[in-house]
N, C-alpha and C. Protein backbone atom coordinates (compact mmCIF):
# COMPACT_ATOMS: atom_id res chain seq x y z
N MET A 1 -24.81 -20.05 -6.47
CA MET A 1 -24.65 -19.08 -4.94
C MET A 1 -23.77 -18.10 -5.47
N LYS A 2 -24.32 -16.81 -5.43
CA LYS A 2 -23.34 -15.85 -5.71
C LYS A 2 -22.56 -15.16 -4.28
N GLN A 3 -21.25 -14.78 -4.38
CA GLN A 3 -20.43 -14.52 -3.33
C GLN A 3 -20.43 -13.33 -3.26
N SER A 4 -20.30 -13.07 -1.57
CA SER A 4 -20.66 -11.38 -1.43
C SER A 4 -19.29 -10.59 -1.63
N TYR A 5 -19.39 -9.61 -2.08
CA TYR A 5 -18.08 -8.93 -2.26
C TYR A 5 -17.34 -8.64 -1.08
N ARG A 6 -16.13 -8.58 -1.45
CA ARG A 6 -15.01 -8.30 -0.48
C ARG A 6 -14.33 -7.12 -0.90
N ARG A 7 -14.08 -6.23 -0.17
CA ARG A 7 -13.06 -5.23 -0.19
C ARG A 7 -11.81 -5.71 -0.32
N HIS A 8 -10.81 -4.87 -0.82
CA HIS A 8 -9.54 -5.28 -1.12
C HIS A 8 -8.89 -3.92 -1.51
N TYR A 9 -7.46 -4.27 -1.25
CA TYR A 9 -6.23 -3.17 -1.28
C TYR A 9 -5.32 -3.35 -2.31
N LEU A 10 -4.80 -2.74 -3.30
CA LEU A 10 -4.11 -2.85 -4.04
C LEU A 10 -2.83 -1.91 -3.58
N VAL A 11 -1.52 -2.31 -3.65
CA VAL A 11 -0.37 -1.64 -3.32
C VAL A 11 0.28 -1.57 -4.97
N VAL A 12 0.30 0.04 -5.19
CA VAL A 12 0.59 0.31 -7.17
C VAL A 12 1.70 1.25 -6.82
N THR A 13 2.68 0.82 -7.56
CA THR A 13 4.33 1.49 -7.67
C THR A 13 3.87 3.18 -8.54
N GLU A 14 4.88 4.10 -8.63
CA GLU A 14 4.56 5.35 -9.29
C GLU A 14 4.84 4.95 -11.02
N PHE A 15 4.90 3.51 -11.15
CA PHE A 15 4.80 3.14 -12.69
C PHE A 15 3.63 2.37 -13.06
N ASN A 16 2.79 2.38 -12.14
CA ASN A 16 1.40 1.89 -12.06
C ASN A 16 1.38 0.59 -12.47
N GLN A 17 2.18 -0.05 -11.87
CA GLN A 17 1.98 -1.74 -11.44
C GLN A 17 1.58 -1.95 -10.21
N ILE A 18 0.70 -2.87 -10.14
CA ILE A 18 0.27 -3.49 -9.02
C ILE A 18 0.90 -4.57 -8.50
N VAL A 19 1.61 -4.50 -7.64
CA VAL A 19 2.70 -5.51 -6.91
C VAL A 19 1.88 -6.32 -5.73
N HIS A 20 1.17 -5.88 -4.99
CA HIS A 20 0.25 -6.91 -4.39
C HIS A 20 -1.04 -6.29 -4.00
N SER A 21 -1.84 -7.37 -3.78
CA SER A 21 -3.31 -7.30 -3.63
C SER A 21 -3.46 -8.05 -2.09
N THR A 22 -4.62 -7.52 -1.38
CA THR A 22 -4.99 -8.11 -0.11
C THR A 22 -6.08 -7.31 0.38
N GLU A 23 -6.75 -8.40 1.49
CA GLU A 23 -7.74 -8.02 1.93
C GLU A 23 -7.54 -7.15 3.48
N ASP A 24 -6.58 -7.07 3.80
CA ASP A 24 -6.06 -6.70 5.15
C ASP A 24 -5.13 -5.38 4.92
N LEU A 25 -5.85 -4.33 5.44
CA LEU A 25 -5.18 -2.90 5.18
C LEU A 25 -3.73 -2.54 5.92
N ALA A 26 -3.61 -3.35 6.76
CA ALA A 26 -2.23 -3.36 7.66
C ALA A 26 -1.32 -3.86 6.81
N GLU A 27 -1.63 -5.36 6.33
CA GLU A 27 -0.61 -5.81 5.05
C GLU A 27 -0.56 -4.97 4.38
N ALA A 28 -1.29 -4.12 3.62
CA ALA A 28 -0.88 -3.42 2.27
C ALA A 28 -0.13 -2.20 2.58
N GLU A 29 -0.48 -1.59 3.78
CA GLU A 29 0.35 -0.45 4.00
C GLU A 29 2.04 -1.15 4.60
N ARG A 30 1.96 -2.19 5.23
CA ARG A 30 3.64 -2.67 5.23
C ARG A 30 4.05 -3.11 4.11
N GLU A 31 3.55 -3.54 3.01
CA GLU A 31 4.07 -3.76 1.92
C GLU A 31 4.42 -2.76 1.01
N CYS A 32 3.27 -1.94 1.19
CA CYS A 32 3.41 -0.02 0.78
C CYS A 32 5.09 0.23 1.11
N ALA A 33 5.14 0.29 2.40
CA ALA A 33 6.44 0.53 3.03
C ALA A 33 7.66 -0.22 2.52
N GLU A 34 7.41 -1.22 2.35
CA GLU A 34 8.63 -2.24 1.75
C GLU A 34 8.83 -1.88 0.53
N TRP A 35 7.85 -1.64 -0.43
CA TRP A 35 8.37 -1.69 -1.77
C TRP A 35 9.00 -0.03 -1.61
N ALA A 36 8.50 0.65 -0.97
CA ALA A 36 9.20 2.08 -1.22
C ALA A 36 10.37 1.82 -0.80
N GLU A 37 10.63 1.56 0.22
CA GLU A 37 12.19 1.11 0.93
C GLU A 37 12.89 0.76 -0.16
N TRP A 38 12.63 -0.82 -0.66
CA TRP A 38 13.42 -1.39 -1.51
C TRP A 38 13.87 -0.28 -3.08
N ASP A 39 12.79 0.11 -3.34
CA ASP A 39 13.31 0.82 -4.71
C ASP A 39 13.16 2.18 -4.72
N ASP A 40 13.06 2.81 -3.58
CA ASP A 40 13.15 4.09 -3.53
C ASP A 40 12.36 4.86 -4.36
N ILE A 41 10.97 4.53 -4.35
CA ILE A 41 9.98 4.88 -5.31
C ILE A 41 8.80 5.73 -4.66
N LEU A 42 7.77 6.14 -4.99
CA LEU A 42 6.49 6.50 -4.47
C LEU A 42 5.87 4.97 -4.93
N VAL A 43 4.96 4.55 -3.43
CA VAL A 43 3.70 3.61 -3.77
C VAL A 43 2.57 4.04 -3.07
N VAL A 44 1.58 3.46 -3.21
CA VAL A 44 0.41 4.12 -2.88
C VAL A 44 -0.49 2.42 -2.68
N VAL A 45 -1.32 2.97 -1.52
CA VAL A 45 -2.13 1.63 -1.59
C VAL A 45 -3.77 2.22 -2.01
N GLN A 46 -4.44 1.52 -2.59
CA GLN A 46 -5.68 1.70 -3.31
C GLN A 46 -6.99 1.02 -2.89
N ASP A 47 -7.89 1.75 -2.53
CA ASP A 47 -9.04 0.94 -1.73
C ASP A 47 -10.00 0.89 -2.87
N SER A 48 -10.37 -0.50 -2.95
CA SER A 48 -11.63 -0.90 -3.81
C SER A 48 -13.05 -0.50 -3.42
N GLN A 49 -13.06 0.30 -2.12
CA GLN A 49 -14.24 0.86 -1.88
C GLN A 49 -15.60 -0.18 -1.62
N ALA A 50 -16.04 -0.32 -3.37
CA ALA A 50 -17.20 -0.82 -3.45
C ALA A 50 -17.37 -1.58 -4.75
N GLN A 51 -17.96 -2.64 -5.15
CA GLN A 51 -17.79 -3.08 -6.14
C GLN A 51 -18.60 -2.33 -7.22
N GLY A 52 -17.61 -2.04 -8.24
CA GLY A 52 -17.98 -1.18 -9.49
C GLY A 52 -17.61 -0.08 -9.51
N GLN A 53 -17.00 0.35 -8.25
CA GLN A 53 -16.24 1.69 -8.20
C GLN A 53 -15.06 2.21 -8.36
N PRO A 54 -14.46 2.97 -8.61
CA PRO A 54 -13.04 3.13 -8.87
C PRO A 54 -12.25 3.20 -7.68
N TYR A 55 -10.73 2.80 -7.62
CA TYR A 55 -10.29 2.63 -6.68
C TYR A 55 -9.91 3.99 -6.15
N LYS A 56 -9.54 4.30 -4.82
CA LYS A 56 -9.40 5.05 -4.08
C LYS A 56 -8.22 5.12 -3.02
N GLU A 57 -7.22 6.08 -3.55
CA GLU A 57 -5.93 6.00 -2.82
C GLU A 57 -6.16 6.43 -1.34
N VAL A 58 -5.66 5.81 -0.67
CA VAL A 58 -5.65 5.79 1.00
C VAL A 58 -4.86 5.67 1.93
N TYR A 59 -3.28 5.80 1.22
CA TYR A 59 -2.12 5.45 1.78
C TYR A 59 -1.00 5.75 1.14
N ARG A 60 -0.12 6.29 1.25
CA ARG A 60 0.85 6.65 0.38
C ARG A 60 2.43 6.58 1.08
N VAL A 61 3.35 6.14 0.42
CA VAL A 61 4.87 6.18 1.18
C VAL A 61 5.52 6.77 -0.16
N ASP A 62 6.63 7.89 0.37
CA ASP A 62 7.11 8.31 -0.87
C ASP A 62 8.97 8.18 -0.62
N GLY A 63 9.22 7.14 -1.04
CA GLY A 63 11.00 6.65 -1.29
C GLY A 63 11.19 6.09 0.00
N TYR A 64 12.62 5.97 0.03
CA TYR A 64 13.55 5.07 0.93
C TYR A 64 13.53 6.05 2.10
N SER A 65 13.41 7.06 2.18
CA SER A 65 13.76 7.89 3.87
C SER A 65 11.76 7.83 4.72
N GLN A 66 11.23 7.92 3.77
CA GLN A 66 9.49 7.78 4.80
C GLN A 66 9.40 6.16 4.99
N ALA A 67 9.86 5.67 4.03
CA ALA A 67 9.88 4.29 4.47
C ALA A 67 10.33 4.04 5.52
N VAL A 68 11.93 4.23 5.65
CA VAL A 68 12.49 3.92 6.84
C VAL A 68 11.87 4.47 7.97
N ASP A 69 11.54 5.46 8.19
CA ASP A 69 10.57 6.10 9.29
C ASP A 69 9.64 5.24 9.84
N ILE A 70 8.81 4.71 8.66
CA ILE A 70 7.56 3.97 9.14
C ILE A 70 7.86 2.65 9.46
N LEU A 71 9.03 2.01 8.91
CA LEU A 71 9.05 0.76 9.03
C LEU A 71 10.23 0.17 10.29
N TYR A 72 10.88 1.22 10.47
CA TYR A 72 11.73 1.16 11.88
C TYR A 72 11.61 2.56 12.54
N PRO A 73 10.51 2.70 13.42
CA PRO A 73 10.37 4.07 14.29
C PRO A 73 11.50 4.31 15.38
N GLU A 74 11.80 2.93 15.71
CA GLU A 74 12.69 2.93 16.99
C GLU A 74 13.97 3.51 16.28
N GLU A 75 14.50 3.48 15.70
CA GLU A 75 15.73 3.92 14.93
C GLU A 75 15.59 5.44 14.55
N ALA A 76 14.42 5.63 14.34
CA ALA A 76 14.23 7.16 13.99
C ALA A 76 14.36 8.04 15.38
N GLU A 77 14.09 7.59 16.48
CA GLU A 77 14.20 8.12 17.94
C GLU A 77 15.51 8.35 18.28
N LEU A 78 16.58 7.26 17.75
CA LEU A 78 18.06 7.98 18.28
C LEU A 78 18.54 8.98 18.05
């Protein structure tokens, strides 16, 4: 029996390394911000779109300061 295609998201660093893969966009965005915060680098989420098509960038976090604003919004307001 053939399995149906499932869309998934890859979290990729500026060094073109896949560090996380998931079917949940919110999880991918959170992982993206956490990796950007930890390593102070550009990290992107790529969407598989459809089977056989190239990935498309759908979200990005560029470094520590942007990640902190995303992960800890209540502290940014202080």
